[in-house]
């Protein structure tokens, strides 16, 4: 009877270990994909930049009325660093670093989005 309990315990712990590995493995499977920063202005694609080869830079997107958003790219990440919109939601959103992350500035009609190769959604979401 003691041997049976021992084998059941070992089997249960092995099952828990395999389940844990199975949950975290999909997150690391696509970690080496190329990320692109898409900058959309007024619903149109304004610029598409590969983040893996992009140097540390700032891009200023201005509309015809002088309203602007300053986008910063650094170390494979992007963010809206500065904007002249009243609520600053786009600035407070912080850094984008994973596929399908989006920041939107409604007053200035600007959207920045990270996309990647094989950009399909799966069971893991961010």
Foldseek 3Di string as FASTA:
>chain_A
DVVVVVVVVVVVVVVVVVVVCVVCVVVPPCPPWWKWKFKDFPNHTPDIGTLVPDDFDWDWDADPVGWIWIWTRDDQKIAGCDTPDDPCQRNVVDIDRDAQDKGADVVRRMIIGMHTVVRDDDPDDD
